[in-house]
Amino acid sequence: QVQLVESGGGLVQAGGSLRLSCAASGRTGSVYAMGWFRQAPGEERELVAAINYSGTRTSYADFVKGRFTISRESAKNTVYLQMNTLKPEDTAVYYCAAGDHWTSSVYTTKGQYDYWGQGTQVTVTS
């Protein structure tokens, strides 16, 4: 089993920045592709950004391109989401996800991920 713990969420004004972290523990040797999703009240959980095992490939939702950056530090089993120029519509619970099937690709759909964190709240005020 793999446990994922997110941190770094909080309250920020529009235009501000936050950096989310997701630390993996347990059977981290089986963690490959990782991603960040978000879910606003009454909405579906949607992909924000994804990164492959080696960190050489990334994918972003159109609504965060140019503002958010995903990265990973494999030695620390940690993935990050740097969020800049935040907007009120970015308000949501942000979830970290990890896949335990070997691939060199990124995973862009919820069903491809095997493990999920509990989520961290991000609230952006106008």
N, C-alpha and C. Protein backbone atom coordinates (compact mmCIF):
# COMPACT_ATOMS: atom_id res chain seq x y z
N GLN A 1 0.84 -1.20 0.00
CA GLN A 1 0.00 0.00 0.00
C GLN A 1 0.87 1.25 0.00
N VAL A 2 0.30 2.28 -0.55
CA VAL A 2 0.97 3.59 -0.60
C VAL A 2 0.07 4.61 0.07
N GLN A 3 0.64 5.42 0.92
CA GLN A 3 -0.10 6.52 1.54
C GLN A 3 0.39 7.84 0.96
N LEU A 4 -0.56 8.71 0.67
CA LEU A 4 -0.24 10.03 0.12
C LEU A 4 -0.78 11.10 1.07
N VAL A 5 0.06 12.05 1.42
CA VAL A 5 -0.35 13.12 2.32
C VAL A 5 -0.03 14.46 1.68
N GLU A 6 -1.09 15.24 1.45
CA GLU A 6 -0.93 16.56 0.85
C GLU A 6 -0.75 17.61 1.94
N SER A 7 -0.08 18.69 1.58
CA SER A 7 0.06 19.84 2.47
C SER A 7 0.27 21.08 1.63
N GLY A 8 0.12 22.24 2.26
CA GLY A 8 0.38 23.48 1.57
C GLY A 8 -0.83 24.28 1.16
N GLY A 9 -2.01 23.71 1.35
CA GLY A 9 -3.21 24.45 1.00
C GLY A 9 -3.45 25.60 1.98
N GLY A 10 -4.43 26.44 1.65
CA GLY A 10 -4.73 27.55 2.53
C GLY A 10 -5.57 28.59 1.84
N LEU A 11 -5.62 29.77 2.47
CA LEU A 11 -6.40 30.89 1.98
C LEU A 11 -5.44 31.92 1.38
N VAL A 12 -5.73 32.37 0.18
CA VAL A 12 -4.87 33.32 -0.49
C VAL A 12 -5.73 34.28 -1.32
N GLN A 13 -5.22 35.48 -1.51
CA GLN A 13 -5.94 36.44 -2.34
C GLN A 13 -5.67 36.17 -3.81
N ALA A 14 -6.58 36.59 -4.63
CA ALA A 14 -6.41 36.45 -6.08
C ALA A 14 -5.09 37.10 -6.51
N GLY A 15 -4.38 36.40 -7.39
CA GLY A 15 -3.08 36.86 -7.83
C GLY A 15 -1.93 36.31 -7.02
N GLY A 16 -2.25 35.70 -5.90
CA GLY A 16 -1.22 35.14 -5.04
C GLY A 16 -0.76 33.76 -5.48
N SER A 17 0.11 33.17 -4.65
CA SER A 17 0.70 31.87 -4.98
C SER A 17 0.62 30.93 -3.78
N LEU A 18 0.59 29.64 -4.09
CA LEU A 18 0.69 28.59 -3.10
C LEU A 18 1.50 27.45 -3.70
N ARG A 19 2.16 26.70 -2.84
CA ARG A 19 2.88 25.51 -3.29
C ARG A 19 2.36 24.31 -2.50
N LEU A 20 1.76 23.39 -3.23
CA LEU A 20 1.27 22.16 -2.62
C LEU A 20 2.35 21.08 -2.68
N SER A 21 2.38 20.27 -1.64
CA SER A 21 3.30 19.13 -1.60
C SER A 21 2.51 17.86 -1.35
N CYS A 22 3.00 16.77 -1.86
CA CYS A 22 2.38 15.47 -1.63
C CYS A 22 3.50 14.47 -1.36
N ALA A 23 3.52 13.96 -0.15
CA ALA A 23 4.56 13.01 0.24
C ALA A 23 4.00 11.60 0.22
N ALA A 24 4.69 10.71 -0.45
CA ALA A 24 4.29 9.31 -0.52
C ALA A 24 5.08 8.49 0.49
N SER A 25 4.39 7.54 1.11
CA SER A 25 5.06 6.64 2.04
C SER A 25 4.50 5.24 1.85
N GLY A 26 5.15 4.28 2.46
CA GLY A 26 4.73 2.89 2.28
C GLY A 26 5.53 2.26 1.15
N ARG A 27 4.85 1.58 0.26
CA ARG A 27 5.51 0.90 -0.85
C ARG A 27 5.81 1.88 -1.98
N THR A 28 6.68 2.84 -1.68
CA THR A 28 6.96 3.90 -2.65
C THR A 28 7.70 3.40 -3.87
N GLY A 29 8.29 2.22 -3.77
CA GLY A 29 8.96 1.65 -4.93
C GLY A 29 8.00 1.32 -6.05
N SER A 30 6.71 1.28 -5.75
CA SER A 30 5.71 0.97 -6.77
C SER A 30 4.98 2.22 -7.25
N VAL A 31 5.46 3.39 -6.88
CA VAL A 31 4.83 4.65 -7.31
C VAL A 31 5.46 5.10 -8.61
N TYR A 32 4.66 5.30 -9.61
CA TYR A 32 5.17 5.73 -10.91
C TYR A 32 4.56 7.06 -11.30
N ALA A 33 3.58 7.06 -12.16
CA ALA A 33 2.97 8.32 -12.56
C ALA A 33 2.25 8.95 -11.37
N MET A 34 2.29 10.29 -11.30
CA MET A 34 1.60 11.00 -10.23
C MET A 34 0.87 12.20 -10.80
N GLY A 35 -0.11 12.67 -10.06
CA GLY A 35 -0.88 13.78 -10.56
C GLY A 35 -1.58 14.56 -9.47
N TRP A 36 -2.08 15.70 -9.85
CA TRP A 36 -2.92 16.54 -8.98
C TRP A 36 -4.28 16.71 -9.64
N PHE A 37 -5.31 16.51 -8.84
CA PHE A 37 -6.67 16.74 -9.27
C PHE A 37 -7.30 17.76 -8.33
N ARG A 38 -8.43 18.30 -8.72
CA ARG A 38 -9.15 19.17 -7.82
C ARG A 38 -10.65 18.95 -7.96
N GLN A 39 -11.36 19.27 -6.90
CA GLN A 39 -12.81 19.11 -6.90
C GLN A 39 -13.44 20.26 -6.13
N ALA A 40 -14.25 21.02 -6.84
CA ALA A 40 -15.02 22.10 -6.23
C ALA A 40 -16.38 21.56 -5.82
N PRO A 41 -17.06 22.20 -4.89
CA PRO A 41 -18.38 21.72 -4.45
C PRO A 41 -19.35 21.58 -5.61
N GLY A 42 -19.95 20.42 -5.70
CA GLY A 42 -20.91 20.17 -6.74
C GLY A 42 -20.33 19.87 -8.10
N GLU A 43 -19.02 19.79 -8.17
CA GLU A 43 -18.36 19.54 -9.45
C GLU A 43 -17.67 18.18 -9.45
N GLU A 44 -17.33 17.72 -10.65
CA GLU A 44 -16.57 16.49 -10.78
C GLU A 44 -15.11 16.74 -10.44
N ARG A 45 -14.44 15.70 -10.00
CA ARG A 45 -13.00 15.80 -9.77
C ARG A 45 -12.32 15.87 -11.14
N GLU A 46 -11.44 16.84 -11.30
CA GLU A 46 -10.81 17.06 -12.60
C GLU A 46 -9.29 17.13 -12.48
N LEU A 47 -8.65 16.72 -13.56
CA LEU A 47 -7.20 16.76 -13.60
C LEU A 47 -6.70 18.20 -13.61
N VAL A 48 -5.68 18.46 -12.83
CA VAL A 48 -4.99 19.75 -12.85
C VAL A 48 -3.66 19.60 -13.58
N ALA A 49 -2.86 18.63 -13.14
CA ALA A 49 -1.55 18.42 -13.75
C ALA A 49 -1.09 17.00 -13.45
N ALA A 50 -0.26 16.47 -14.33
CA ALA A 50 0.26 15.12 -14.16
C ALA A 50 1.72 15.08 -14.55
N ILE A 51 2.44 14.12 -13.99
CA ILE A 51 3.86 13.98 -14.27
C ILE A 51 4.22 12.51 -14.32
N ASN A 52 5.16 12.18 -15.19
CA ASN A 52 5.51 10.77 -15.31
C ASN A 52 6.58 10.38 -14.28
N TYR A 53 6.97 9.12 -14.33
CA TYR A 53 7.87 8.57 -13.31
C TYR A 53 9.18 9.33 -13.22
N SER A 54 9.77 9.66 -14.37
CA SER A 54 11.08 10.29 -14.38
C SER A 54 11.01 11.80 -14.29
N GLY A 55 9.81 12.35 -14.36
CA GLY A 55 9.68 13.80 -14.34
C GLY A 55 9.95 14.46 -15.67
N THR A 56 10.08 13.67 -16.72
CA THR A 56 10.42 14.22 -18.03
C THR A 56 9.21 14.58 -18.86
N ARG A 57 8.04 14.12 -18.44
CA ARG A 57 6.81 14.43 -19.17
C ARG A 57 5.77 14.97 -18.20
N THR A 58 5.09 16.01 -18.63
CA THR A 58 4.03 16.60 -17.84
C THR A 58 2.82 16.89 -18.72
N SER A 59 1.69 17.05 -18.06
CA SER A 59 0.46 17.40 -18.75
C SER A 59 -0.32 18.34 -17.85
N TYR A 60 -0.94 19.35 -18.45
CA TYR A 60 -1.69 20.33 -17.69
C TYR A 60 -3.08 20.53 -18.28
N ALA A 61 -4.03 20.80 -17.39
CA ALA A 61 -5.34 21.22 -17.86
C ALA A 61 -5.19 22.60 -18.48
N ASP A 62 -6.00 22.89 -19.47
CA ASP A 62 -5.90 24.19 -20.16
C ASP A 62 -6.07 25.36 -19.20
N PHE A 63 -6.90 25.17 -18.19
CA PHE A 63 -7.20 26.30 -17.32
C PHE A 63 -6.06 26.64 -16.35
N VAL A 64 -4.99 25.84 -16.33
CA VAL A 64 -3.85 26.18 -15.46
C VAL A 64 -2.54 26.36 -16.23
N LYS A 65 -2.59 26.15 -17.52
CA LYS A 65 -1.36 26.29 -18.31
C LYS A 65 -0.79 27.70 -18.18
N GLY A 66 0.50 27.74 -17.91
CA GLY A 66 1.18 29.01 -17.75
C GLY A 66 1.13 29.56 -16.35
N ARG A 67 0.30 28.96 -15.48
CA ARG A 67 0.17 29.44 -14.10
C ARG A 67 0.67 28.41 -13.08
N PHE A 68 0.43 27.13 -13.34
CA PHE A 68 0.81 26.06 -12.41
C PHE A 68 1.96 25.25 -12.99
N THR A 69 2.78 24.71 -12.08
CA THR A 69 3.89 23.86 -12.49
C THR A 69 3.95 22.64 -11.57
N ILE A 70 3.96 21.45 -12.18
CA ILE A 70 4.10 20.23 -11.41
C ILE A 70 5.54 19.76 -11.49
N SER A 71 6.05 19.24 -10.39
CA SER A 71 7.41 18.70 -10.37
C SER A 71 7.46 17.59 -9.34
N ARG A 72 8.52 16.80 -9.39
CA ARG A 72 8.66 15.74 -8.40
C ARG A 72 10.11 15.60 -7.99
N GLU A 73 10.28 15.16 -6.76
CA GLU A 73 11.60 14.91 -6.21
C GLU A 73 11.60 13.45 -5.78
N SER A 74 12.08 12.60 -6.65
CA SER A 74 11.96 11.17 -6.42
C SER A 74 12.69 10.72 -5.16
N ALA A 75 13.81 11.33 -4.85
CA ALA A 75 14.57 10.94 -3.67
C ALA A 75 13.75 11.12 -2.40
N LYS A 76 12.81 12.05 -2.43
CA LYS A 76 11.96 12.32 -1.27
C LYS A 76 10.55 11.78 -1.46
N ASN A 77 10.34 11.07 -2.58
CA ASN A 77 9.00 10.54 -2.88
C ASN A 77 7.94 11.62 -2.75
N THR A 78 8.22 12.76 -3.30
CA THR A 78 7.35 13.91 -3.15
C THR A 78 7.07 14.55 -4.51
N VAL A 79 5.83 14.96 -4.69
CA VAL A 79 5.44 15.70 -5.89
C VAL A 79 4.90 17.05 -5.43
N TYR A 80 5.17 18.08 -6.23
CA TYR A 80 4.80 19.44 -5.89
C TYR A 80 3.87 20.03 -6.95
N LEU A 81 3.10 21.01 -6.54
CA LEU A 81 2.31 21.80 -7.47
C LEU A 81 2.49 23.27 -7.10
N GLN A 82 3.27 23.97 -7.90
CA GLN A 82 3.45 25.41 -7.70
C GLN A 82 2.32 26.12 -8.41
N MET A 83 1.55 26.89 -7.67
CA MET A 83 0.38 27.57 -8.23
C MET A 83 0.59 29.07 -8.13
N ASN A 84 0.66 29.72 -9.27
CA ASN A 84 0.85 31.17 -9.32
C ASN A 84 -0.36 31.82 -9.96
N THR A 85 -0.47 33.11 -9.76
CA THR A 85 -1.56 33.90 -10.33
C THR A 85 -2.91 33.22 -10.07
N LEU A 86 -3.14 32.89 -8.84
CA LEU A 86 -4.36 32.16 -8.47
C LEU A 86 -5.60 33.02 -8.69
N LYS A 87 -6.69 32.34 -9.07
CA LYS A 87 -7.97 32.99 -9.34
C LYS A 87 -9.02 32.41 -8.40
N PRO A 88 -10.08 33.16 -8.14
CA PRO A 88 -11.15 32.60 -7.29
C PRO A 88 -11.69 31.27 -7.80
N GLU A 89 -11.71 31.09 -9.10
CA GLU A 89 -12.21 29.82 -9.66
C GLU A 89 -11.27 28.65 -9.43
N ASP A 90 -10.09 28.90 -8.91
CA ASP A 90 -9.18 27.81 -8.53
C ASP A 90 -9.54 27.23 -7.16
N THR A 91 -10.49 27.83 -6.48
CA THR A 91 -10.91 27.35 -5.17
C THR A 91 -11.47 25.94 -5.29
N ALA A 92 -10.91 25.02 -4.51
CA ALA A 92 -11.30 23.61 -4.57
C ALA A 92 -10.49 22.84 -3.54
N VAL A 93 -10.86 21.59 -3.36
CA VAL A 93 -10.00 20.65 -2.64
C VAL A 93 -9.08 20.01 -3.65
N TYR A 94 -7.80 20.05 -3.38
CA TYR A 94 -6.79 19.51 -4.29
C TYR A 94 -6.31 18.16 -3.77
N TYR A 95 -6.32 17.18 -4.67
CA TYR A 95 -5.96 15.81 -4.33
C TYR A 95 -4.72 15.37 -5.09
N CYS A 96 -3.86 14.67 -4.40
CA CYS A 96 -2.71 14.03 -5.01
C CYS A 96 -3.07 12.58 -5.36
N ALA A 97 -2.55 12.10 -6.46
CA ALA A 97 -2.83 10.72 -6.87
C ALA A 97 -1.56 10.06 -7.40
N ALA A 98 -1.50 8.75 -7.25
CA ALA A 98 -0.33 8.00 -7.72
C ALA A 98 -0.77 6.70 -8.37
N GLY A 99 -0.04 6.30 -9.41
CA GLY A 99 -0.30 5.04 -10.09
C GLY A 99 0.79 4.04 -9.78
N ASP A 100 0.44 2.77 -9.64
CA ASP A 100 1.43 1.77 -9.31
C ASP A 100 1.70 0.79 -10.45
N HIS A 101 1.37 1.19 -11.67
CA HIS A 101 1.69 0.39 -12.84
C HIS A 101 2.78 1.10 -13.63
N TRP A 102 3.82 0.35 -13.96
CA TRP A 102 4.95 0.95 -14.65
C TRP A 102 4.49 1.55 -15.99
N THR A 103 4.91 2.77 -16.22
CA THR A 103 4.70 3.44 -17.49
C THR A 103 5.65 4.60 -17.58
N SER A 104 6.01 4.95 -18.78
CA SER A 104 6.85 6.13 -18.99
C SER A 104 5.99 7.34 -19.33
N SER A 105 4.68 7.11 -19.39
CA SER A 105 3.75 8.16 -19.78
C SER A 105 3.15 8.85 -18.57
N VAL A 106 2.42 9.90 -18.83
CA VAL A 106 1.62 10.53 -17.78
C VAL A 106 0.23 9.90 -17.79
N TYR A 107 -0.43 9.95 -16.65
CA TYR A 107 -1.81 9.51 -16.53
C TYR A 107 -2.69 10.74 -16.47
N THR A 108 -3.72 10.80 -17.30
CA THR A 108 -4.54 12.00 -17.34
C THR A 108 -5.99 11.76 -16.93
N THR A 109 -6.34 10.55 -16.56
CA THR A 109 -7.71 10.27 -16.13
C THR A 109 -7.72 9.66 -14.73
N LYS A 110 -8.81 9.89 -14.01
CA LYS A 110 -8.92 9.42 -12.63
C LYS A 110 -8.74 7.91 -12.53
N GLY A 111 -9.31 7.19 -13.46
CA GLY A 111 -9.30 5.74 -13.39
C GLY A 111 -7.93 5.11 -13.52
N GLN A 112 -6.96 5.87 -13.99
CA GLN A 112 -5.61 5.34 -14.14
C GLN A 112 -4.84 5.34 -12.83
N TYR A 113 -5.32 6.04 -11.85
CA TYR A 113 -4.60 6.17 -10.59
C TYR A 113 -5.10 5.16 -9.56
N ASP A 114 -4.16 4.69 -8.74
CA ASP A 114 -4.47 3.65 -7.77
C ASP A 114 -4.57 4.17 -6.34
N TYR A 115 -3.90 5.25 -6.06
CA TYR A 115 -3.87 5.77 -4.69
C TYR A 115 -4.22 7.25 -4.69
N TRP A 116 -4.89 7.67 -3.63
CA TRP A 116 -5.33 9.05 -3.49
C TRP A 116 -5.05 9.56 -2.09
N GLY A 117 -4.70 10.84 -2.02
CA GLY A 117 -4.57 11.48 -0.73
C GLY A 117 -5.92 11.96 -0.23
N GLN A 118 -5.92 12.53 0.96
CA GLN A 118 -7.15 13.01 1.58
C GLN A 118 -7.57 14.38 1.07
N GLY A 119 -6.66 15.08 0.44
CA GLY A 119 -6.99 16.38 -0.12
C GLY A 119 -6.57 17.53 0.78
N THR A 120 -6.34 18.67 0.17
CA THR A 120 -6.02 19.89 0.90
C THR A 120 -6.82 21.04 0.29
N GLN A 121 -7.42 21.85 1.14
CA GLN A 121 -8.31 22.92 0.67
C GLN A 121 -7.50 24.12 0.20
N VAL A 122 -7.85 24.61 -0.96
CA VAL A 122 -7.30 25.86 -1.48
C VAL A 122 -8.46 26.82 -1.69
N THR A 123 -8.38 27.97 -1.06
CA THR A 123 -9.43 28.98 -1.19
C THR A 123 -8.80 30.28 -1.66
N VAL A 124 -9.30 30.79 -2.77
CA VAL A 124 -8.78 32.03 -3.35
C VAL A 124 -9.88 33.09 -3.27
N THR A 125 -9.58 34.18 -2.59
CA THR A 125 -10.55 35.25 -2.42
C THR A 125 -10.31 36.37 -3.43
N SER A 126 -11.38 37.03 -3.80
CA SER A 126 -11.26 38.11 -4.79
C SER A 126 -11.02 39.44 -4.11
